[in-house]
């Protein structure tokens, strides 16, 4: 008996796919995603430092707000010092809560990626009309603030409904980050013959699953970044690959973790001449420039 399927993409094994390269004949594309998130006070979802108490849960709320007030600024200093590009995955509630932080990313020339309105609400539980309204409202707000709409989307809590790719395509998005099943970009089929590119986004090289979920220490998470990078540089000799690194300022912006993050990012920066340090939007644009059929 055949199991239910999403019917968004076919199984195409990694071995035997068409070969191509990134700009300047680089084989490994590396991007950093800094999640800029705001949470409702006294209700809704949120990553937790400790077991939540009764609402208002001041301890966990304040821990998350530290990222916007302090941790993100430490991290921007680090990215400036190492001259690293970045993608800022922005809840539009940040434009009201911490506009200076989004403005600092804009001033750096970072890509602004749609990330819903708040990470206090999971996107995939919404009805189609409500989800369409969320996507359209977020898109309009980012376009108004940044002067152009975002090219890419990551749903709050990496959460999608059965129709999210269709709604994103209809709203003009070129790529999505939610699906984490490959190390190369692939096309998703959408309604009415449409399609949207899925750019690899990390679930393991991601500080929430690693540090909050598995309770990895700061040094261990930095080692994960370094080991992933070193191994993927070797693997990319045979085929083009994408390595993303997902970061949250309230986690790795804490000074004792920042110390180890610096070690990992300095390691990557030392190899900048052998890799493509980029953004997910630039990866999507490059894939769109390739001959039809190159990207599965």
Protein backbone atom coordinates (compact mmCIF):
# COMPACT_ATOMS: atom_id res chain seq x y z
CA UNK A 1 0.00 0.00 0.00
CA UNK A 2 1.32 3.40 -1.00
CA UNK A 3 1.79 5.85 1.86
CA UNK A 4 0.39 9.39 1.74
CA UNK A 5 2.80 11.85 0.15
CA UNK A 6 3.16 15.60 -0.29
CA UNK A 7 3.75 15.22 -4.07
CA UNK A 8 5.96 18.32 -4.01
CA UNK A 9 9.15 16.70 -5.34
CA UNK A 10 10.36 13.33 -6.62
CA UNK A 11 13.05 11.17 -5.11
CA UNK A 12 16.27 12.00 -6.96
CA UNK A 13 19.37 10.39 -5.43
CA UNK A 14 22.33 12.66 -4.78
CA UNK A 15 24.64 10.53 -6.91
CA UNK A 16 24.01 11.08 -10.60
CA UNK A 17 22.47 14.56 -10.44
CA UNK A 18 23.62 17.21 -12.94
CA UNK A 19 26.84 18.88 -11.91
CA UNK A 20 27.35 22.63 -11.69
CA UNK A 21 29.38 25.12 -9.65
CA UNK A 22 28.73 28.25 -7.66
CA UNK A 23 30.17 31.60 -8.81
CA UNK A 24 33.94 31.65 -9.42
CA UNK A 25 33.85 27.83 -9.69
CA UNK A 26 33.36 27.46 -5.93
CA UNK A 27 31.86 24.16 -4.80
CA UNK A 28 30.62 24.91 -1.29
CA UNK A 29 28.17 27.74 -0.59
CA UNK A 30 28.03 28.82 3.06
CA UNK A 31 25.49 31.19 4.57
CA UNK A 32 24.65 32.42 8.06
CA UNK A 33 21.04 32.92 9.14
CA UNK A 34 20.41 35.12 12.17
CA UNK A 35 16.83 34.72 13.39
CA UNK A 36 15.45 38.05 14.63
CA UNK A 37 12.35 37.09 16.62
CA UNK A 38 9.89 38.73 18.98
CA UNK A 39 7.49 36.96 21.33
CA UNK A 40 4.22 37.84 22.99
CA UNK A 41 4.43 38.51 26.72
CA UNK A 42 2.35 36.22 28.90
CA UNK A 43 1.09 33.95 26.11
CA UNK A 44 2.06 31.95 23.04
CA UNK A 45 5.07 29.88 22.08
CA UNK A 46 8.75 30.51 22.69
CA UNK A 47 12.03 28.66 23.13
CA UNK A 48 12.71 27.93 26.78
CA UNK A 49 15.82 28.13 28.90
CA UNK A 50 14.10 26.28 31.76
CA UNK A 51 10.79 24.48 32.27
CA UNK A 52 8.17 27.22 31.87
CA UNK A 53 6.36 28.57 34.89
CA UNK A 54 2.86 30.02 35.04
CA UNK A 55 2.24 32.96 32.73
CA UNK A 56 3.58 35.55 32.69
CA UNK A 57 6.76 33.47 32.42
CA UNK A 58 9.20 36.29 33.06
CA UNK A 59 12.33 34.13 33.19
CA UNK A 60 11.99 32.65 29.70
CA UNK A 61 10.57 35.84 28.16
CA UNK A 62 13.45 37.96 29.49
CA UNK A 63 16.01 35.39 28.28
CA UNK A 64 14.64 35.67 24.75
CA UNK A 65 14.47 39.47 24.89
CA UNK A 66 18.14 39.57 25.90
CA UNK A 67 18.92 38.45 22.36
CA UNK A 68 17.40 41.55 20.80
CA UNK A 69 18.66 44.00 23.41
CA UNK A 70 22.22 42.69 23.80
CA UNK A 71 23.16 39.37 22.19
CA UNK A 72 22.40 40.37 18.60
CA UNK A 73 24.61 43.43 18.92
CA UNK A 74 27.53 41.30 20.11
CA UNK A 75 26.93 39.08 17.09
CA UNK A 76 26.78 41.98 14.64
CA UNK A 77 30.12 43.19 15.98
CA UNK A 78 31.52 39.71 15.32
CA UNK A 79 30.16 39.55 11.77
CA UNK A 80 31.48 43.05 11.10
CA UNK A 81 34.94 42.15 12.42
CA UNK A 82 35.12 39.03 10.22
CA UNK A 83 33.44 40.75 7.25
CA UNK A 84 30.87 37.99 6.91
CA UNK A 85 27.59 38.37 5.01
CA UNK A 86 24.38 37.36 6.72
CA UNK A 87 20.70 36.71 6.16
CA UNK A 88 18.41 38.22 8.80
CA UNK A 89 15.25 36.12 9.22
CA UNK A 90 12.87 38.78 10.49
CA UNK A 91 9.59 38.60 12.38
CA UNK A 92 7.79 41.76 11.26
CA UNK A 93 6.92 42.49 14.89
CA UNK A 94 10.63 43.38 15.18
CA UNK A 95 9.98 46.56 13.19
CA UNK A 96 7.88 47.74 16.15
CA UNK A 97 9.80 46.11 19.01
CA UNK A 98 13.44 46.60 17.98
CA UNK A 99 13.59 48.66 14.77
CA UNK A 100 17.21 49.69 15.38
CA UNK A 101 18.30 46.06 15.15
CA UNK A 102 16.67 45.47 11.77
CA UNK A 103 18.07 48.82 10.61
CA UNK A 104 21.58 47.71 11.57
CA UNK A 105 21.20 44.60 9.40
CA UNK A 106 19.89 46.77 6.57
CA UNK A 107 22.89 49.08 6.89
CA UNK A 108 25.21 46.07 6.62
CA UNK A 109 23.54 45.04 3.38
CA UNK A 110 22.22 41.80 4.86
CA UNK A 111 19.43 39.96 3.11
CA UNK A 112 16.07 40.34 4.86
CA UNK A 113 14.10 37.08 4.78
CA UNK A 114 10.41 36.79 5.71
CA UNK A 115 9.92 34.92 8.99
CA UNK A 116 6.28 35.56 9.80
CA UNK A 117 5.04 38.17 12.25
CA UNK A 118 6.02 36.52 15.54
CA UNK A 119 7.48 33.22 16.70
CA UNK A 120 4.84 33.12 19.42
CA UNK A 121 2.47 31.61 16.80
CA UNK A 122 3.04 28.48 14.71
CA UNK A 123 2.21 29.10 11.04
CA UNK A 124 1.16 25.60 9.99
CA UNK A 125 -1.94 25.48 12.19
CA UNK A 126 -3.59 28.40 10.39
CA UNK A 127 -6.45 27.95 7.95
CA UNK A 128 -5.69 28.76 4.31
CA UNK A 129 -7.31 32.18 4.32
CA UNK A 130 -5.61 33.16 7.56
CA UNK A 131 -2.25 31.88 6.37
CA UNK A 132 -2.59 33.76 3.09
CA UNK A 133 -3.33 36.93 5.03
CA UNK A 134 -0.27 36.37 7.25
CA UNK A 135 2.05 35.94 4.26
CA UNK A 136 0.61 38.94 2.43
CA UNK A 137 0.74 41.18 5.51
CA UNK A 138 4.33 40.22 6.30
CA UNK A 139 5.37 40.72 2.68
CA UNK A 140 3.83 44.20 2.52
CA UNK A 141 5.46 45.26 5.79
CA UNK A 142 8.92 44.14 4.75
CA UNK A 143 8.52 45.76 1.33
CA UNK A 144 7.48 49.03 2.97
CA UNK A 145 10.38 48.99 5.43
CA UNK A 146 13.11 47.68 3.11
CA UNK A 147 12.04 49.19 -0.20
CA UNK A 148 11.46 45.80 -1.82
CA UNK A 149 9.68 42.56 -0.92
CA UNK A 150 11.62 39.59 0.45
CA UNK A 151 12.69 36.81 -1.91
CA UNK A 152 12.63 34.04 0.69
CA UNK A 153 10.60 32.72 3.60
CA UNK A 154 11.09 30.64 6.74
CA UNK A 155 7.89 29.91 8.63
CA UNK A 156 7.78 30.58 12.37
CA UNK A 157 8.88 27.33 14.05
CA UNK A 158 9.70 25.92 10.58
CA UNK A 159 5.99 25.20 10.32
CA UNK A 160 4.02 24.73 7.11
CA UNK A 161 0.48 23.75 6.22
CA UNK A 162 -0.36 21.56 3.22
CA UNK A 163 -0.66 24.70 1.04
CA UNK A 164 2.20 26.91 2.25
CA UNK A 165 4.40 26.49 -0.87
CA UNK A 166 1.42 27.39 -3.06
CA UNK A 167 0.68 30.52 -1.03
CA UNK A 168 4.34 31.58 -1.06
CA UNK A 169 4.55 31.16 -4.83
CA UNK A 170 1.36 33.15 -5.30
CA UNK A 171 2.80 35.93 -3.11
CA UNK A 172 5.90 36.17 -5.32
CA UNK A 173 8.48 34.30 -3.24
CA UNK A 174 11.40 32.70 -5.08
CA UNK A 175 12.50 30.31 -2.36
CA UNK A 176 11.63 28.74 0.98
CA UNK A 177 13.87 27.49 3.79
CA UNK A 178 11.51 25.26 5.77
CA UNK A 179 12.35 21.88 4.26
CA UNK A 180 15.60 20.40 5.50
CA UNK A 181 15.89 17.18 3.49
CA UNK A 182 18.82 17.93 1.14
CA UNK A 183 22.23 19.59 0.79
CA UNK A 184 21.39 21.03 -2.63
CA UNK A 185 18.53 23.32 -3.69
CA UNK A 186 15.59 21.53 -5.32
CA UNK A 187 12.32 22.61 -6.92
CA UNK A 188 8.93 22.16 -5.28
CA UNK A 189 5.84 21.71 -7.44
CA UNK A 190 3.03 24.16 -6.70
CA UNK A 191 -0.51 24.83 -7.82
CA UNK A 192 -1.31 25.77 -11.41
CA UNK A 193 2.10 24.68 -12.68
CA UNK A 194 4.03 26.97 -10.37
CA UNK A 195 7.22 26.11 -8.52
CA UNK A 196 9.35 27.39 -5.66
CA UNK A 197 12.98 26.63 -4.85
CA UNK A 198 13.81 24.90 -1.58
CA UNK A 199 17.16 26.17 -0.33
CA UNK A 200 18.77 23.94 2.35
CA UNK A 201 18.36 25.26 5.89
CA UNK A 202 20.04 23.47 8.80
CA UNK A 203 18.27 21.55 11.50
CA UNK A 204 21.39 20.17 13.21
CA UNK A 205 23.79 23.10 12.68
CA UNK A 206 21.14 25.16 14.42
CA UNK A 207 21.50 26.37 17.99
CA UNK A 208 17.89 25.68 19.05
CA UNK A 209 17.83 21.92 18.30
CA UNK A 210 21.44 21.59 19.43
CA UNK A 211 21.63 23.67 22.59
CA UNK A 212 17.98 23.91 23.70
CA UNK A 213 16.88 20.51 22.39
CA UNK A 214 19.85 18.18 22.86
CA UNK A 215 21.50 20.27 25.59
CA UNK A 216 24.80 20.50 23.72
CA UNK A 217 27.36 22.78 25.34
CA UNK A 218 28.73 25.91 23.69
CA UNK A 219 32.02 24.22 22.79
CA UNK A 220 30.18 21.23 21.38
CA UNK A 221 28.00 23.41 19.16
CA UNK A 222 31.07 25.24 17.86
CA UNK A 223 32.69 21.87 17.14
CA UNK A 224 29.56 20.85 15.21
CA UNK A 225 29.92 23.93 13.01
CA UNK A 226 33.62 23.30 12.39
CA UNK A 227 33.21 19.57 11.73
CA UNK A 228 30.26 20.16 9.39
CA UNK A 229 32.24 22.77 7.49
CA UNK A 230 35.42 20.74 7.16
CA UNK A 231 33.59 17.61 6.04
CA UNK A 232 31.37 19.48 3.57
CA UNK A 233 34.41 21.15 2.00
CA UNK A 234 35.71 17.68 1.19
CA UNK A 235 32.32 16.34 0.07
CA UNK A 236 31.85 19.36 -2.20
CA UNK A 237 34.82 18.33 -4.30
CA UNK A 238 32.43 15.87 -6.01
CA UNK A 239 29.30 18.04 -6.26
CA UNK A 240 28.07 21.54 -5.32
CA UNK A 241 26.69 21.75 -1.79
CA UNK A 242 25.06 24.29 0.52
CA UNK A 243 25.88 24.67 4.21
CA UNK A 244 23.67 26.88 6.32
CA UNK A 245 24.29 27.89 9.94
CA UNK A 246 21.20 28.94 11.92
CA UNK A 247 21.72 31.22 14.90
CA UNK A 248 19.54 32.89 17.55
CA UNK A 249 20.94 35.84 19.47
CA UNK A 250 19.36 34.87 22.80
CA UNK A 251 21.31 31.59 22.63
CA UNK A 252 24.70 32.08 20.96
CA UNK A 253 24.71 35.80 21.76
CA UNK A 254 25.26 34.87 25.41
CA UNK A 255 28.95 35.72 26.07
CA UNK A 256 29.99 32.24 27.22
CA UNK A 257 28.59 30.77 23.97
CA UNK A 258 29.72 33.70 21.84
CA UNK A 259 33.30 32.87 22.80
CA UNK A 260 33.02 29.48 21.11
CA UNK A 261 30.99 30.80 18.15
CA UNK A 262 33.85 33.19 17.43
CA UNK A 263 36.22 30.24 17.20
CA UNK A 264 33.99 28.47 14.69
CA UNK A 265 33.36 31.53 12.52
CA UNK A 266 37.04 32.47 12.47
CA UNK A 267 37.78 28.96 11.21
CA UNK A 268 35.31 29.40 8.35
CA UNK A 269 36.57 32.91 7.56
CA UNK A 270 40.12 31.59 7.14
CA UNK A 271 38.86 29.54 4.18
CA UNK A 272 36.89 32.35 2.51
CA UNK A 273 38.97 32.15 -0.68
CA UNK A 274 37.97 28.51 -1.25
CA UNK A 275 34.20 28.79 -0.62
CA UNK A 276 31.28 31.02 -1.56
CA UNK A 277 30.28 33.07 1.48
CA UNK A 278 26.82 34.17 0.51
CA UNK A 279 23.12 34.43 1.37
CA UNK A 280 20.20 32.10 0.59
CA UNK A 281 18.77 34.69 -1.79
CA UNK A 282 21.99 34.75 -3.82
CA UNK A 283 21.95 30.94 -3.91
CA UNK A 284 18.40 31.00 -5.26
CA UNK A 285 19.26 33.60 -7.90
CA UNK A 286 22.24 31.54 -9.07
CA UNK A 287 20.06 28.44 -9.37
CA UNK A 288 17.53 30.41 -11.40
CA UNK A 289 20.32 31.36 -13.82
CA UNK A 290 21.30 27.74 -14.52
CA UNK A 291 20.00 25.84 -17.56
CA UNK A 292 16.59 24.19 -17.09
CA UNK A 293 16.95 20.74 -15.56
CA UNK A 294 20.21 21.43 -13.76
CA UNK A 295 18.45 21.79 -10.41
CA UNK A 296 16.21 18.73 -9.79
